[in-house]
Amino acid sequence: YATRNTLCVSARHAPMKGLARLRRDLMIWLVALVHVR
C-alpha cells in the first residue's frame, strides 16, 4: 500500500508528464526497495 498509494497521491497532487514523472516514480520505487532490505 505504501508503494501504490504514494505513487497515486503524488500523481494527484503534483501532476507531471514525461521524464519528470518517470524520475519521481522511479525514486518512489527505489525508496520502497530500500525498505525491503
PDB file of all heavy atoms in Angstrom:
ATOM      1  N   TYR A   1       0.815  -1.212   0.000  1.00  0.00           N
ATOM      2  CA  TYR A   1       0.000   0.000   0.000  1.00  0.00           C
ATOM      3  C   TYR A   1       0.852   1.266   0.000  1.00  0.00           C
ATOM      4  O   TYR A   1       0.470   2.271  -0.609  1.00  0.00           O
ATOM      5  CB  TYR A   1      -0.954  -0.004   1.190  1.00  0.00           C
ATOM      6  CG  TYR A   1      -2.119  -0.950   1.030  1.00  0.00           C
ATOM      7  CD1 TYR A   1      -2.196  -2.121   1.780  1.00  0.00           C
ATOM      8  CD2 TYR A   1      -3.139  -0.683   0.119  1.00  0.00           C
ATOM      9  CE1 TYR A   1      -3.261  -2.995   1.632  1.00  0.00           C
ATOM     10  CE2 TYR A   1      -4.208  -1.549  -0.035  1.00  0.00           C
ATOM     11  CZ  TYR A   1      -4.273  -2.705   0.724  1.00  0.00           C
ATOM     12  OH  TYR A   1      -5.322  -3.566   0.559  1.00  0.00           O
ATOM     13  N   ALA A   2       1.996   1.242   0.672  1.00  0.00           N
ATOM     14  CA  ALA A   2       2.866   2.419   0.676  1.00  0.00           C
ATOM     15  C   ALA A   2       3.358   2.724  -0.727  1.00  0.00           C
ATOM     16  O   ALA A   2       3.397   3.889  -1.162  1.00  0.00           O
ATOM     17  CB  ALA A   2       4.041   2.205   1.616  1.00  0.00           C
ATOM     18  N   THR A   3       3.742   1.687  -1.468  1.00  0.00           N
ATOM     19  CA  THR A   3       4.222   1.887  -2.838  1.00  0.00           C
ATOM     20  C   THR A   3       3.114   2.403  -3.738  1.00  0.00           C
ATOM     21  O   THR A   3       3.240   3.454  -4.387  1.00  0.00           O
ATOM     22  CB  THR A   3       4.780   0.568  -3.404  1.00  0.00           C
ATOM     23  OG1 THR A   3       5.838   0.094  -2.566  1.00  0.00           O
ATOM     24  CG2 THR A   3       5.302   0.769  -4.820  1.00  0.00           C
ATOM     25  N   ARG A   4       2.014   1.675  -3.788  1.00  0.00           N
ATOM     26  CA  ARG A   4       0.918   2.046  -4.694  1.00  0.00           C
ATOM     27  C   ARG A   4       0.343   3.412  -4.371  1.00  0.00           C
ATOM     28  O   ARG A   4       0.167   4.280  -5.244  1.00  0.00           O
ATOM     29  CB  ARG A   4      -0.182   0.988  -4.617  1.00  0.00           C
ATOM     30  CG  ARG A   4      -1.287   1.174  -5.649  1.00  0.00           C
ATOM     31  CD  ARG A   4      -2.548   0.404  -5.269  1.00  0.00           C
ATOM     32  NE  ARG A   4      -3.224   0.987  -4.118  1.00  0.00           N
ATOM     33  CZ  ARG A   4      -4.343   0.488  -3.581  1.00  0.00           C
ATOM     34  NH1 ARG A   4      -4.875  -0.621  -4.076  1.00  0.00           N
ATOM     35  NH2 ARG A   4      -4.923   1.072  -2.554  1.00  0.00           N
ATOM     36  N   ASN A   5       0.056   3.636  -3.088  1.00  0.00           N
ATOM     37  CA  ASN A   5      -0.640   4.859  -2.714  1.00  0.00           C
ATOM     38  C   ASN A   5       0.250   6.095  -2.763  1.00  0.00           C
ATOM     39  O   ASN A   5      -0.221   7.191  -3.058  1.00  0.00           O
ATOM     40  CB  ASN A   5      -1.269   4.694  -1.326  1.00  0.00           C
ATOM     41  CG  ASN A   5      -2.416   3.694  -1.327  1.00  0.00           C
ATOM     42  OD1 ASN A   5      -2.878   3.269  -2.387  1.00  0.00           O
ATOM     43  ND2 ASN A   5      -2.864   3.308  -0.146  1.00  0.00           N
ATOM     44  N   THR A   6       1.547   5.939  -2.456  1.00  0.00           N
ATOM     45  CA  THR A   6       2.452   7.087  -2.587  1.00  0.00           C
ATOM     46  C   THR A   6       2.533   7.531  -4.039  1.00  0.00           C
ATOM     47  O   THR A   6       2.516   8.736  -4.344  1.00  0.00           O
ATOM     48  CB  THR A   6       3.852   6.736  -2.062  1.00  0.00           C
ATOM     49  OG1 THR A   6       3.769   6.392  -0.679  1.00  0.00           O
ATOM     50  CG2 THR A   6       4.804   7.927  -2.206  1.00  0.00           C
ATOM     51  N   LEU A   7       2.610   6.573  -4.950  1.00  0.00           N
ATOM     52  CA  LEU A   7       2.613   6.901  -6.376  1.00  0.00           C
ATOM     53  C   LEU A   7       1.318   7.604  -6.779  1.00  0.00           C
ATOM     54  O   LEU A   7       1.340   8.628  -7.481  1.00  0.00           O
ATOM     55  CB  LEU A   7       2.799   5.622  -7.197  1.00  0.00           C
ATOM     56  CG  LEU A   7       4.197   4.991  -7.167  1.00  0.00           C
ATOM     57  CD1 LEU A   7       4.134   3.534  -7.610  1.00  0.00           C
ATOM     58  CD2 LEU A   7       5.161   5.777  -8.050  1.00  0.00           C
ATOM     59  N   CYS A   8       0.189   7.079  -6.326  1.00  0.00           N
ATOM     60  CA  CYS A   8      -1.104   7.652  -6.700  1.00  0.00           C
ATOM     61  C   CYS A   8      -1.303   9.052  -6.121  1.00  0.00           C
ATOM     62  O   CYS A   8      -1.740   9.969  -6.825  1.00  0.00           O
ATOM     63  CB  CYS A   8      -2.231   6.744  -6.223  1.00  0.00           C
ATOM     64  SG  CYS A   8      -2.355   5.176  -7.102  1.00  0.00           S
ATOM     65  N   VAL A   9      -0.998   9.225  -4.847  1.00  0.00           N
ATOM     66  CA  VAL A   9      -1.197  10.521  -4.191  1.00  0.00           C
ATOM     67  C   VAL A   9      -0.274  11.579  -4.790  1.00  0.00           C
ATOM     68  O   VAL A   9      -0.673  12.727  -5.007  1.00  0.00           O
ATOM     69  CB  VAL A   9      -0.989  10.384  -2.671  1.00  0.00           C
ATOM     70  CG1 VAL A   9      -0.916  11.753  -2.000  1.00  0.00           C
ATOM     71  CG2 VAL A   9      -2.119   9.556  -2.061  1.00  0.00           C
ATOM     72  N   SER A  10       0.951  11.207  -5.074  1.00  0.00           N
ATOM     73  CA  SER A  10       1.883  12.146  -5.688  1.00  0.00           C
ATOM     74  C   SER A  10       1.379  12.584  -7.054  1.00  0.00           C
ATOM     75  O   SER A  10       1.435  13.766  -7.419  1.00  0.00           O
ATOM     76  CB  SER A  10       3.274  11.515  -5.815  1.00  0.00           C
ATOM     77  OG  SER A  10       3.809  11.226  -4.540  1.00  0.00           O
ATOM     78  N   ALA A  11       0.859  11.627  -7.836  1.00  0.00           N
ATOM     79  CA  ALA A  11       0.346  11.948  -9.167  1.00  0.00           C
ATOM     80  C   ALA A  11      -0.872  12.859  -9.097  1.00  0.00           C
ATOM     81  O   ALA A  11      -1.052  13.737  -9.943  1.00  0.00           O
ATOM     82  CB  ALA A  11      -0.003  10.664  -9.909  1.00  0.00           C
ATOM     83  N   ARG A  12      -1.681  12.675  -8.063  1.00  0.00           N
ATOM     84  CA  ARG A  12      -2.878  13.506  -7.946  1.00  0.00           C
ATOM     85  C   ARG A  12      -2.540  14.934  -7.571  1.00  0.00           C
ATOM     86  O   ARG A  12      -3.056  15.889  -8.161  1.00  0.00           O
ATOM     87  CB  ARG A  12      -3.830  12.930  -6.911  1.00  0.00           C
ATOM     88  CG  ARG A  12      -5.054  13.822  -6.680  1.00  0.00           C
ATOM     89  CD  ARG A  12      -5.916  13.326  -5.529  1.00  0.00           C
ATOM     90  NE  ARG A  12      -7.111  14.151  -5.416  1.00  0.00           N
ATOM     91  CZ  ARG A  12      -8.001  14.035  -4.434  1.00  0.00           C
ATOM     92  NH1 ARG A  12      -7.821  13.129  -3.500  1.00  0.00           N
ATOM     93  NH2 ARG A  12      -9.056  14.802  -4.391  1.00  0.00           N
ATOM     94  N   HIS A  13      -1.662  15.108  -6.587  1.00  0.00           N
ATOM     95  CA  HIS A  13      -1.429  16.439  -6.029  1.00  0.00           C
ATOM     96  C   HIS A  13      -0.299  17.203  -6.705  1.00  0.00           C
ATOM     97  O   HIS A  13      -0.154  18.415  -6.476  1.00  0.00           O
ATOM     98  CB  HIS A  13      -1.178  16.326  -4.523  1.00  0.00           C
ATOM     99  CG  HIS A  13      -2.423  15.997  -3.753  1.00  0.00           C
ATOM    100  ND1 HIS A  13      -3.313  16.961  -3.342  1.00  0.00           N
ATOM    101  CD2 HIS A  13      -2.938  14.809  -3.338  1.00  0.00           C
ATOM    102  CE1 HIS A  13      -4.318  16.395  -2.705  1.00  0.00           C
ATOM    103  NE2 HIS A  13      -4.117  15.082  -2.680  1.00  0.00           N
ATOM    104  N   ALA A  14       0.491  16.528  -7.518  1.00  0.00           N
ATOM    105  CA  ALA A  14       1.538  17.213  -8.288  1.00  0.00           C
ATOM    106  C   ALA A  14       1.636  16.545  -9.656  1.00  0.00           C
ATOM    107  O   ALA A  14       2.571  15.785  -9.919  1.00  0.00           O
ATOM    108  CB  ALA A  14       2.871  17.170  -7.548  1.00  0.00           C
ATOM    109  N   PRO A  15       0.665  16.791 -10.524  1.00  0.00           N
ATOM    110  CA  PRO A  15       0.672  16.147 -11.839  1.00  0.00           C
ATOM    111  C   PRO A  15       1.944  16.477 -12.624  1.00  0.00           C
ATOM    112  O   PRO A  15       2.382  17.624 -12.659  1.00  0.00           O
ATOM    113  CB  PRO A  15      -0.568  16.747 -12.523  1.00  0.00           C
ATOM    114  CG  PRO A  15      -1.432  17.246 -11.413  1.00  0.00           C
ATOM    115  CD  PRO A  15      -0.493  17.691 -10.339  1.00  0.00           C
ATOM    116  N   MET A  16       2.539  15.468 -13.213  1.00  0.00           N
ATOM    117  CA  MET A  16       3.732  15.628 -14.028  1.00  0.00           C
ATOM    118  C   MET A  16       3.600  14.779 -15.281  1.00  0.00           C
ATOM    119  O   MET A  16       2.806  13.837 -15.324  1.00  0.00           O
ATOM    120  CB  MET A  16       4.978  15.207 -13.249  1.00  0.00           C
ATOM    121  CG  MET A  16       5.351  16.089 -12.088  1.00  0.00           C
ATOM    122  SD  MET A  16       6.845  15.476 -11.246  1.00  0.00           S
ATOM    123  CE  MET A  16       7.056  16.730  -9.983  1.00  0.00           C
ATOM    124  N   LYS A  17       4.415  15.109 -16.271  1.00  0.00           N
ATOM    125  CA  LYS A  17       4.419  14.344 -17.506  1.00  0.00           C
ATOM    126  C   LYS A  17       5.845  13.994 -17.900  1.00  0.00           C
ATOM    127  O   LYS A  17       6.804  14.608 -17.425  1.00  0.00           O
ATOM    128  CB  LYS A  17       3.747  15.133 -18.631  1.00  0.00           C
ATOM    129  CG  LYS A  17       2.272  15.422 -18.417  1.00  0.00           C
ATOM    130  CD  LYS A  17       1.698  16.196 -19.593  1.00  0.00           C
ATOM    131  CE  LYS A  17       0.209  16.472 -19.388  1.00  0.00           C
ATOM    132  NZ  LYS A  17      -0.375  17.235 -20.528  1.00  0.00           N
ATOM    133  N   GLY A  18       5.959  13.022 -18.761  1.00  0.00           N
ATOM    134  CA  GLY A  18       7.248  12.707 -19.369  1.00  0.00           C
ATOM    135  C   GLY A  18       8.311  12.291 -18.385  1.00  0.00           C
ATOM    136  O   GLY A  18       8.062  11.557 -17.415  1.00  0.00           O
ATOM    137  N   LEU A  19       9.531  12.782 -18.606  1.00  0.00           N
ATOM    138  CA  LEU A  19      10.685  12.386 -17.806  1.00  0.00           C
ATOM    139  C   LEU A  19      10.551  12.797 -16.345  1.00  0.00           C
ATOM    140  O   LEU A  19      11.021  12.083 -15.451  1.00  0.00           O
ATOM    141  CB  LEU A  19      11.963  12.977 -18.404  1.00  0.00           C
ATOM    142  CG  LEU A  19      12.451  12.346 -19.716  1.00  0.00           C
ATOM    143  CD1 LEU A  19      13.670  13.089 -20.228  1.00  0.00           C
ATOM    144  CD2 LEU A  19      12.765  10.863 -19.504  1.00  0.00           C
ATOM    145  N   ALA A  20       9.920  13.932 -16.080  1.00  0.00           N
ATOM    146  CA  ALA A  20       9.770  14.393 -14.701  1.00  0.00           C
ATOM    147  C   ALA A  20       8.953  13.392 -13.891  1.00  0.00           C
ATOM    148  O   ALA A  20       9.305  13.035 -12.766  1.00  0.00           O
ATOM    149  CB  ALA A  20       9.111  15.763 -14.665  1.00  0.00           C
ATOM    150  N   ARG A  21       7.851  12.926 -14.468  1.00  0.00           N
ATOM    151  CA  ARG A  21       7.023  11.937 -13.766  1.00  0.00           C
ATOM    152  C   ARG A  21       7.767  10.613 -13.632  1.00  0.00           C
ATOM    153  O   ARG A  21       7.698   9.966 -12.583  1.00  0.00           O
ATOM    154  CB  ARG A  21       5.711  11.731 -14.515  1.00  0.00           C
ATOM    155  CG  ARG A  21       4.818  10.677 -13.868  1.00  0.00           C
ATOM    156  CD  ARG A  21       3.424  10.714 -14.426  1.00  0.00           C
ATOM    157  NE  ARG A  21       2.586   9.711 -13.771  1.00  0.00           N
ATOM    158  CZ  ARG A  21       1.256   9.677 -13.851  1.00  0.00           C
ATOM    159  NH1 ARG A  21       0.611  10.601 -14.534  1.00  0.00           N
ATOM    160  NH2 ARG A  21       0.569   8.732 -13.231  1.00  0.00           N
ATOM    161  N   LEU A  22       8.469  10.204 -14.667  1.00  0.00           N
ATOM    162  CA  LEU A  22       9.207   8.957 -14.612  1.00  0.00           C
ATOM    163  C   LEU A  22      10.276   8.996 -13.526  1.00  0.00           C
ATOM    164  O   LEU A  22      10.436   8.025 -12.769  1.00  0.00           O
ATOM    165  CB  LEU A  22       9.857   8.664 -15.968  1.00  0.00           C
ATOM    166  CG  LEU A  22      10.693   7.377 -16.050  1.00  0.00           C
ATOM    167  CD1 LEU A  22       9.829   6.163 -15.736  1.00  0.00           C
ATOM    168  CD2 LEU A  22      11.347   7.246 -17.422  1.00  0.00           C
ATOM    169  N   ARG A  23      10.985  10.109 -13.406  1.00  0.00           N
ATOM    170  CA  ARG A  23      12.019  10.238 -12.359  1.00  0.00           C
ATOM    171  C   ARG A  23      11.402  10.131 -10.970  1.00  0.00           C
ATOM    172  O   ARG A  23      11.953   9.471 -10.096  1.00  0.00           O
ATOM    173  CB  ARG A  23      12.760  11.572 -12.520  1.00  0.00           C
ATOM    174  CG  ARG A  23      13.822  11.571 -13.609  1.00  0.00           C
ATOM    175  CD  ARG A  23      14.744  12.763 -13.464  1.00  0.00           C
ATOM    176  NE  ARG A  23      14.019  14.020 -13.640  1.00  0.00           N
ATOM    177  CZ  ARG A  23      13.919  14.666 -14.803  1.00  0.00           C
ATOM    178  NH1 ARG A  23      14.490  14.158 -15.880  1.00  0.00           N
ATOM    179  NH2 ARG A  23      13.254  15.796 -14.885  1.00  0.00           N
ATOM    180  N   ARG A  24      10.273  10.819 -10.775  1.00  0.00           N
ATOM    181  CA  ARG A  24       9.626  10.753  -9.465  1.00  0.00           C
ATOM    182  C   ARG A  24       9.161   9.334  -9.155  1.00  0.00           C
ATOM    183  O   ARG A  24       9.361   8.823  -8.045  1.00  0.00           O
ATOM    184  CB  ARG A  24       8.442  11.704  -9.394  1.00  0.00           C
ATOM    185  CG  ARG A  24       7.711  11.657  -8.040  1.00  0.00           C
ATOM    186  CD  ARG A  24       6.530  12.578  -8.007  1.00  0.00           C
ATOM    187  NE  ARG A  24       5.518  12.232  -9.004  1.00  0.00           N
ATOM    188  CZ  ARG A  24       4.499  13.007  -9.333  1.00  0.00           C
ATOM    189  NH1 ARG A  24       4.354  14.171  -8.744  1.00  0.00           N
ATOM    190  NH2 ARG A  24       3.617  12.617 -10.245  1.00  0.00           N
ATOM    191  N   ASP A  25       8.519   8.690 -10.127  1.00  0.00           N
ATOM    192  CA  ASP A  25       8.025   7.331  -9.908  1.00  0.00           C
ATOM    193  C   ASP A  25       9.163   6.370  -9.594  1.00  0.00           C
ATOM    194  O   ASP A  25       9.047   5.504  -8.703  1.00  0.00           O
ATOM    195  CB  ASP A  25       7.250   6.846 -11.128  1.00  0.00           C
ATOM    196  CG  ASP A  25       5.912   7.555 -11.298  1.00  0.00           C
ATOM    197  OD1 ASP A  25       5.572   8.393 -10.434  1.00  0.00           O
ATOM    198  OD2 ASP A  25       5.209   7.262 -12.283  1.00  0.00           O
ATOM    199  N   LEU A  26      10.272   6.518 -10.282  1.00  0.00           N
ATOM    200  CA  LEU A  26      11.427   5.661 -10.027  1.00  0.00           C
ATOM    201  C   LEU A  26      12.005   5.911  -8.640  1.00  0.00           C
ATOM    202  O   LEU A  26      12.439   4.980  -7.958  1.00  0.00           O
ATOM    203  CB  LEU A  26      12.490   5.871 -11.102  1.00  0.00           C
ATOM    204  CG  LEU A  26      12.184   5.269 -12.478  1.00  0.00           C
ATOM    205  CD1 LEU A  26      13.240   5.680 -13.487  1.00  0.00           C
ATOM    206  CD2 LEU A  26      12.084   3.748 -12.400  1.00  0.00           C
ATOM    207  N   MET A  27      12.005   7.174  -8.199  1.00  0.00           N
ATOM    208  CA  MET A  27      12.511   7.483  -6.861  1.00  0.00           C
ATOM    209  C   MET A  27      11.639   6.833  -5.793  1.00  0.00           C
ATOM    210  O   MET A  27      12.147   6.268  -4.819  1.00  0.00           O
ATOM    211  CB  MET A  27      12.561   8.999  -6.655  1.00  0.00           C
ATOM    212  CG  MET A  27      13.096   9.412  -5.288  1.00  0.00           C
ATOM    213  SD  MET A  27      14.758   8.754  -4.945  1.00  0.00           S
ATOM    214  CE  MET A  27      15.701   9.627  -6.204  1.00  0.00           C
ATOM    215  N   ILE A  28      10.330   6.901  -5.960  1.00  0.00           N
ATOM    216  CA  ILE A  28       9.421   6.259  -5.007  1.00  0.00           C
ATOM    217  C   ILE A  28       9.669   4.754  -4.980  1.00  0.00           C
ATOM    218  O   ILE A  28       9.702   4.128  -3.910  1.00  0.00           O
ATOM    219  CB  ILE A  28       7.957   6.570  -5.375  1.00  0.00           C
ATOM    220  CG1 ILE A  28       7.673   8.065  -5.201  1.00  0.00           C
ATOM    221  CG2 ILE A  28       6.986   5.739  -4.527  1.00  0.00           C
ATOM    222  CD1 ILE A  28       6.327   8.511  -5.746  1.00  0.00           C
ATOM    223  N   TRP A  29       9.853   4.169  -6.152  1.00  0.00           N
ATOM    224  CA  TRP A  29      10.103   2.734  -6.252  1.00  0.00           C
ATOM    225  C   TRP A  29      11.424   2.367  -5.580  1.00  0.00           C
ATOM    226  O   TRP A  29      11.512   1.370  -4.843  1.00  0.00           O
ATOM    227  CB  TRP A  29      10.110   2.344  -7.721  1.00  0.00           C
ATOM    228  CG  TRP A  29      10.221   0.878  -7.984  1.00  0.00           C
ATOM    229  CD1 TRP A  29       9.277  -0.076  -7.754  1.00  0.00           C
ATOM    230  CD2 TRP A  29      11.351   0.189  -8.526  1.00  0.00           C
ATOM    231  NE1 TRP A  29       9.746  -1.319  -8.122  1.00  0.00           N
ATOM    232  CE2 TRP A  29      11.012  -1.184  -8.608  1.00  0.00           C
ATOM    233  CE3 TRP A  29      12.605   0.605  -8.971  1.00  0.00           C
ATOM    234  CZ2 TRP A  29      11.900  -2.137  -9.096  1.00  0.00           C
ATOM    235  CZ3 TRP A  29      13.486  -0.351  -9.469  1.00  0.00           C
ATOM    236  CH2 TRP A  29      13.132  -1.693  -9.528  1.00  0.00           C
ATOM    237  N   LEU A  30      12.463   3.178  -5.771  1.00  0.00           N
ATOM    238  CA  LEU A  30      13.768   2.900  -5.170  1.00  0.00           C
ATOM    239  C   LEU A  30      13.711   3.010  -3.647  1.00  0.00           C
ATOM    240  O   LEU A  30      14.333   2.211  -2.932  1.00  0.00           O
ATOM    241  CB  LEU A  30      14.820   3.850  -5.731  1.00  0.00           C
ATOM    242  CG  LEU A  30      15.226   3.600  -7.191  1.00  0.00           C
ATOM    243  CD1 LEU A  30      16.112   4.725  -7.698  1.00  0.00           C
ATOM    244  CD2 LEU A  30      15.936   2.257  -7.331  1.00  0.00           C
ATOM    245  N   VAL A  31      12.992   3.990  -3.150  1.00  0.00           N
ATOM    246  CA  VAL A  31      12.831   4.125  -1.694  1.00  0.00           C
ATOM    247  C   VAL A  31      12.125   2.892  -1.134  1.00  0.00           C
ATOM    248  O   VAL A  31      12.496   2.372  -0.074  1.00  0.00           O
ATOM    249  CB  VAL A  31      12.053   5.405  -1.349  1.00  0.00           C
ATOM    250  CG1 VAL A  31      11.647   5.412   0.126  1.00  0.00           C
ATOM    251  CG2 VAL A  31      12.893   6.640  -1.665  1.00  0.00           C
ATOM    252  N   ALA A  32      11.120   2.398  -1.849  1.00  0.00           N
ATOM    253  CA  ALA A  32      10.429   1.177  -1.418  1.00  0.00           C
ATOM    254  C   ALA A  32      11.385   0.001  -1.359  1.00  0.00           C
ATOM    255  O   ALA A  32      11.309  -0.836  -0.445  1.00  0.00           O
ATOM    256  CB  ALA A  32       9.260   0.882  -2.356  1.00  0.00           C
ATOM    257  N   LEU A  33      12.306  -0.075  -2.303  1.00  0.00           N
ATOM    258  CA  LEU A  33      13.282  -1.167  -2.302  1.00  0.00           C
ATOM    259  C   LEU A  33      14.235  -1.060  -1.116  1.00  0.00           C
ATOM    260  O   LEU A  33      14.676  -2.078  -0.568  1.00  0.00           O
ATOM    261  CB  LEU A  33      14.069  -1.155  -3.618  1.00  0.00           C
ATOM    262  CG  LEU A  33      13.275  -1.515  -4.873  1.00  0.00           C
ATOM    263  CD1 LEU A  33      14.202  -1.531  -6.085  1.00  0.00           C
ATOM    264  CD2 LEU A  33      12.575  -2.870  -4.725  1.00  0.00           C
ATOM    265  N   VAL A  34      14.570   0.159  -0.713  1.00  0.00           N
ATOM    266  CA  VAL A  34      15.411   0.345   0.480  1.00  0.00           C
ATOM    267  C   VAL A  34      14.719  -0.237   1.703  1.00  0.00           C
ATOM    268  O   VAL A  34      15.337  -0.913   2.538  1.00  0.00           O
ATOM    269  CB  VAL A  34      15.731   1.835   0.692  1.00  0.00           C
ATOM    270  CG1 VAL A  34      16.379   2.051   2.062  1.00  0.00           C
ATOM    271  CG2 VAL A  34      16.650   2.338  -0.414  1.00  0.00           C
ATOM    272  N   HIS A  35      13.406   0.001   1.813  1.00  0.00           N
ATOM    273  CA  HIS A  35      12.647  -0.534   2.947  1.00  0.00           C
ATOM    274  C   HIS A  35      12.566  -2.059   2.893  1.00  0.00           C
ATOM    275  O   HIS A  35      12.469  -2.715   3.939  1.00  0.00           O
ATOM    276  CB  HIS A  35      11.247   0.078   2.983  1.00  0.00           C
ATOM    277  CG  HIS A  35      11.227   1.484   3.489  1.00  0.00           C
ATOM    278  ND1 HIS A  35      11.298   1.804   4.825  1.00  0.00           N
ATOM    279  CD2 HIS A  35      11.164   2.667   2.834  1.00  0.00           C
ATOM    280  CE1 HIS A  35      11.270   3.107   4.982  1.00  0.00           C
ATOM    281  NE2 HIS A  35      11.188   3.665   3.790  1.00  0.00           N
ATOM    282  N   VAL A  36      12.598  -2.623   1.694  1.00  0.00           N
ATOM    283  CA  VAL A  36      12.579  -4.082   1.551  1.00  0.00           C
ATOM    284  C   VAL A  36      13.740  -4.708   2.314  1.00  0.00           C
ATOM    285  O   VAL A  36      13.595  -5.766   2.953  1.00  0.00           O
ATOM    286  CB  VAL A  36      12.634  -4.468   0.053  1.00  0.00           C
ATOM    287  CG1 VAL A  36      13.030  -5.938  -0.112  1.00  0.00           C
ATOM    288  CG2 VAL A  36      11.280  -4.210  -0.602  1.00  0.00           C
ATOM    289  N   ARG A  37      14.895  -4.075   2.287  1.00  0.00           N
ATOM    290  CA  ARG A  37      16.081  -4.621   2.943  1.00  0.00           C
ATOM    291  C   ARG A  37      15.938  -4.686   4.454  1.00  0.00           C
ATOM    292  O   ARG A  37      16.624  -5.471   5.114  1.00  0.00           O
ATOM    293  CB  ARG A  37      17.306  -3.771   2.591  1.00  0.00           C
ATOM    294  CG  ARG A  37      17.641  -3.762   1.095  1.00  0.00           C
ATOM    295  CD  ARG A  37      18.823  -2.871   0.810  1.00  0.00           C
ATOM    296  NE  ARG A  37      20.006  -3.296   1.538  1.00  0.00           N
ATOM    297  CZ  ARG A  37      21.144  -2.596   1.588  1.00  0.00           C
ATOM    298  NH1 ARG A  37      21.220  -1.424   0.966  1.00  0.00           N
ATOM    299  NH2 ARG A  37      22.174  -3.048   2.269  1.00  0.00           N
TER     300      ARG A  37
END
